[in-house]
Protein backbone atom coordinates (compact mmCIF):
# COMPACT_ATOMS: atom_id res chain seq x y z
CA UNK A 1 112.39 133.53 131.61
CA UNK A 2 111.85 130.36 133.69
CA UNK A 3 114.97 128.75 135.34
CA UNK A 4 116.77 126.12 133.29
CA UNK A 5 115.63 123.25 135.67
CA UNK A 6 112.10 124.24 135.20
CA UNK A 7 112.46 124.46 131.40
CA UNK A 8 113.93 121.02 131.46
CA UNK A 9 111.01 119.65 133.59
CA UNK A 10 108.65 121.29 131.27
CA UNK A 11 109.96 119.81 127.95
CA UNK A 12 110.10 116.62 129.97
CA UNK A 13 106.40 116.81 130.42
CA UNK A 14 105.53 117.96 126.76
CA UNK A 15 107.38 114.63 125.69
CA UNK A 16 105.01 112.62 127.88
CA UNK A 17 101.71 114.63 127.02
CA UNK A 18 102.74 114.21 123.32
CA UNK A 19 102.94 110.68 123.85
CA UNK A 20 99.79 110.36 125.64
CA UNK A 21 97.79 112.41 122.83
CA UNK A 22 99.41 110.24 119.87
CA UNK A 23 98.34 107.23 121.69
CA UNK A 24 94.84 108.53 122.23
CA UNK A 25 94.65 109.43 118.56
CA UNK A 26 95.73 105.68 117.70
CA UNK A 27 93.06 104.19 119.95
CA UNK A 28 90.10 106.51 118.83
CA UNK A 29 91.14 105.61 115.26
CA UNK A 30 91.03 101.96 116.32
CA UNK A 31 87.68 102.39 117.82
CA UNK A 32 86.25 104.07 115.00
CA UNK A 33 87.50 101.18 112.82
CA UNK A 34 85.31 98.62 114.55
CA UNK A 35 83.48 96.66 113.21
CA UNK A 36 85.80 95.89 110.31
CA UNK A 37 84.50 96.39 106.96
CA UNK A 38 87.58 97.18 104.46
CA UNK A 39 85.33 96.22 101.24
CA UNK A 40 82.77 99.03 102.13
CA UNK A 41 83.74 102.60 100.95
CA UNK A 42 81.83 103.93 103.87
CA UNK A 43 84.14 102.31 106.18
CA UNK A 44 86.97 104.27 104.31
CA UNK A 45 85.10 107.21 104.51
CA UNK A 46 84.62 107.04 108.18
CA UNK A 47 88.00 106.44 109.07
CA UNK A 48 89.08 109.21 107.17
CA UNK A 49 86.45 111.43 109.09
CA UNK A 50 87.82 110.18 112.19
CA UNK A 51 91.51 111.14 111.54
CA UNK A 52 90.61 114.55 110.37
CA UNK A 53 88.40 115.13 113.69
CA UNK A 54 91.35 113.96 115.45
CA UNK A 55 94.06 116.24 113.79
CA UNK A 56 94.02 118.80 116.48
CA UNK A 57 95.36 116.52 119.08
CA UNK A 58 98.27 115.37 116.60
CA UNK A 59 99.06 119.26 115.75
CA UNK A 60 99.09 119.92 119.82
CA UNK A 61 101.44 117.38 120.14
CA UNK A 62 103.90 118.42 117.76
CA UNK A 63 103.59 121.99 118.76
CA UNK A 64 104.10 121.05 122.40
CA UNK A 65 107.35 119.37 121.49
CA UNK A 66 108.44 122.14 119.52
CA UNK A 67 107.75 124.41 122.34
CA UNK A 68 109.87 122.16 124.55
CA UNK A 69 112.72 122.47 122.16
CA UNK A 70 112.80 126.01 122.12
CA UNK A 71 112.62 126.48 125.83
CA UNK A 72 115.31 123.96 126.24
CA UNK A 73 118.81 124.70 124.78
CA UNK A 74 120.38 121.64 124.66
CA UNK A 75 122.48 119.48 122.42
CA UNK A 76 120.47 116.69 122.81
CA UNK A 77 117.53 118.38 121.39
CA UNK A 78 115.17 115.39 122.36
CA UNK A 79 111.70 117.23 122.20
CA UNK A 80 112.96 118.57 118.60
CA UNK A 81 114.10 115.10 117.20
CA UNK A 82 110.76 113.55 118.70
CA UNK A 83 108.43 116.39 117.24
CA UNK A 84 109.99 115.77 113.76
CA UNK A 85 109.67 112.32 114.05
CA UNK A 86 106.02 112.66 115.09
CA UNK A 87 105.28 115.12 112.19
CA UNK A 88 107.04 112.72 109.86
CA UNK A 89 104.84 110.01 110.74
CA UNK A 90 101.43 111.55 110.41
CA UNK A 91 102.44 113.87 107.49
CA UNK A 92 102.24 110.74 105.39
CA UNK A 93 98.88 109.71 106.74
CA UNK A 94 97.03 112.95 105.86
CA UNK A 95 98.56 113.45 102.52
CA UNK A 96 97.52 110.08 101.70
CA UNK A 97 94.05 110.88 102.71
CA UNK A 98 93.45 113.29 100.19
CA UNK A 99 93.47 110.89 97.15
CA UNK A 100 91.88 108.30 99.45
CA UNK A 101 88.93 110.48 99.95
CA UNK A 102 88.22 111.02 96.47
CA UNK A 103 88.79 107.47 95.65
CA UNK A 104 86.34 106.71 98.63
CA UNK A 105 83.78 108.63 97.21
CA UNK A 106 84.01 107.48 93.73
CA UNK A 107 83.95 103.99 95.12
CA UNK A 108 80.63 105.21 96.96
CA UNK A 109 79.03 106.13 94.03
CA UNK A 110 79.93 103.18 92.05
CA UNK A 111 79.08 100.98 94.95
CA UNK A 112 75.78 102.41 95.58
CA UNK A 113 74.64 102.42 91.91
CA UNK A 114 75.67 98.67 91.68
CA UNK A 115 74.04 97.96 95.18
CA UNK A 116 70.96 99.75 93.67
CA UNK A 117 70.94 98.05 90.46
CA UNK A 118 71.03 94.51 91.97
CA UNK A 119 68.09 95.33 94.08
CA UNK A 120 65.81 96.90 91.61
CA UNK A 121 66.82 93.68 89.08
CA UNK A 122 65.92 91.61 91.84
CA UNK A 123 62.68 93.08 92.45
CA UNK A 124 61.94 93.01 89.02
CA UNK A 125 62.40 89.33 88.82
CA UNK A 126 60.23 88.75 91.66
CA UNK A 127 57.67 91.03 90.23
CA UNK A 128 57.81 89.40 86.68
CA UNK A 129 57.48 85.76 88.46
CA UNK A 130 54.11 87.44 90.64
CA UNK A 131 52.52 88.79 87.45
CA UNK A 132 53.05 85.41 85.70
CA UNK A 133 51.45 83.52 88.33
CA UNK A 134 48.63 86.03 88.69
CA UNK A 135 47.75 85.45 84.87
CA UNK A 136 47.98 81.72 85.55
CA UNK A 137 45.59 81.70 88.29
CA UNK A 138 42.29 80.12 87.55
CA UNK A 139 39.74 81.37 90.16
CA UNK A 140 39.04 84.27 92.46
CA UNK A 141 39.97 82.39 95.53
CA UNK A 142 43.33 81.57 93.75
CA UNK A 143 43.96 84.82 92.93
CA UNK A 144 43.03 86.27 96.65
CA UNK A 145 45.23 83.63 98.12
CA UNK A 146 48.17 84.62 95.75
CA UNK A 147 47.84 88.08 96.45
CA UNK A 148 47.64 87.76 100.27
CA UNK A 149 50.74 85.60 100.10
CA UNK A 150 52.92 87.92 97.99
CA UNK A 151 51.70 91.29 99.58
CA UNK A 152 52.40 93.41 96.57
CA UNK A 153 51.55 96.45 98.49
CA UNK A 154 48.74 98.84 98.02
CA UNK A 155 46.45 98.21 94.97
CA UNK A 156 43.40 100.32 93.60
CA UNK A 157 40.02 99.05 93.74
CA UNK A 158 39.50 96.73 91.11
CA UNK A 159 36.72 97.18 88.23
CA UNK A 160 35.19 94.90 85.89
CA UNK A 161 33.56 91.57 86.38
CA UNK A 162 35.49 89.23 84.76
CA UNK A 163 38.56 87.40 86.18
CA UNK A 164 40.66 88.38 83.22
CA UNK A 165 39.90 91.91 83.81
CA UNK A 166 40.78 91.72 87.28
CA UNK A 167 43.96 89.78 86.73
CA UNK A 168 44.98 92.54 84.13
CA UNK A 169 44.36 95.43 86.29
CA UNK A 170 46.28 93.53 89.03
CA UNK A 171 49.03 93.12 86.79
CA UNK A 172 49.42 96.87 85.79
CA UNK A 173 48.91 97.97 89.06
CA UNK A 174 51.95 95.99 90.49
CA UNK A 175 54.03 97.28 87.57
CA UNK A 176 53.18 100.72 88.49
CA UNK A 177 54.12 100.01 92.16
CA UNK A 178 57.37 98.53 91.16
CA UNK A 179 58.24 101.36 89.25
CA UNK A 180 57.40 104.07 92.11
CA UNK A 181 59.46 101.61 94.29
CA UNK A 182 62.40 101.76 91.78
CA UNK A 183 62.19 105.71 91.35
CA UNK A 184 62.03 106.05 95.35
CA UNK A 185 65.24 103.87 95.74
CA UNK A 186 67.03 106.12 92.97
CA UNK A 187 66.10 109.38 94.64
CA UNK A 188 67.22 108.02 98.01
CA UNK A 189 70.60 107.07 96.54
CA UNK A 190 71.13 110.48 95.16
CA UNK A 191 70.01 112.36 98.50
CA UNK A 192 72.46 110.05 100.05
CA UNK A 193 75.33 110.90 98.01
CA UNK A 194 74.36 114.69 98.18
CA UNK A 195 74.45 114.57 101.92
CA UNK A 196 77.72 112.66 101.95
CA UNK A 197 79.55 115.23 99.80
CA UNK A 198 79.83 118.26 102.24
CA UNK A 199 81.45 115.74 104.50
CA UNK A 200 83.80 114.20 102.02
CA UNK A 201 85.08 117.91 100.98
CA UNK A 202 85.42 118.74 104.48
CA UNK A 203 87.71 115.80 104.98
CA UNK A 204 89.41 116.36 102.01
CA UNK A 205 90.16 120.11 102.50
CA UNK A 206 90.75 119.25 106.31
CA UNK A 207 93.52 116.47 105.56
CA UNK A 208 95.15 118.89 102.81
CA UNK A 209 95.40 121.66 105.59
CA UNK A 210 96.74 119.24 108.21
CA UNK A 211 99.31 117.90 105.93
CA UNK A 212 100.61 121.34 104.89
CA UNK A 213 100.62 122.52 108.50
CA UNK A 214 102.79 119.18 109.39
CA UNK A 215 105.02 119.89 106.42
CA UNK A 216 105.72 123.36 107.72
CA UNK A 217 106.45 122.22 111.06
CA UNK A 218 109.14 119.71 109.83
CA UNK A 219 110.93 122.32 107.62
CA UNK A 220 111.29 124.79 110.87
CA UNK A 221 112.45 122.10 113.08
């Protein structure tokens, strides 16, 4: 067994080390919050992910304070009080992360769908206006100039000699391109949500485990 003075010095060092660890966690969380975007669900999910990744440092801080309290038999129990205060501060944060993670993922789902619909509707309005201008064109030169300015994407070779036939084929080809782009955007959204689901579940489970562990430590102090 270590002498009392060495145990006291160790307990004092654990207090400083726990303070440094908590400060590093706070600084890292603040750094992950930049740039500020509280109106975006991705921002909240990023903060939650950073908190769970930093949880081992907080748990180490609480365990060090608890160890210092065990080694030093003192009526003051400074390490014990500080470990309880540290656990009490962060148990609320990690317990709150569990419902917030569910809310954040649901928010991401709804927000991505809303943004996708706005993007598709805006594109469809632009395509409708382009198709109207195509139908209103009066010559091959005007039609070519219109297509060069609009850049509607790859178009198949046009067949038929009359201007009306060419305008109809262009209109149909642009409509097909628009449908393909909309389908591709929906596939990208679905893939993004699928890729973010494992990370969200990891954060949810991790936050639940950390909060349960902190509750257990509080009860044993």
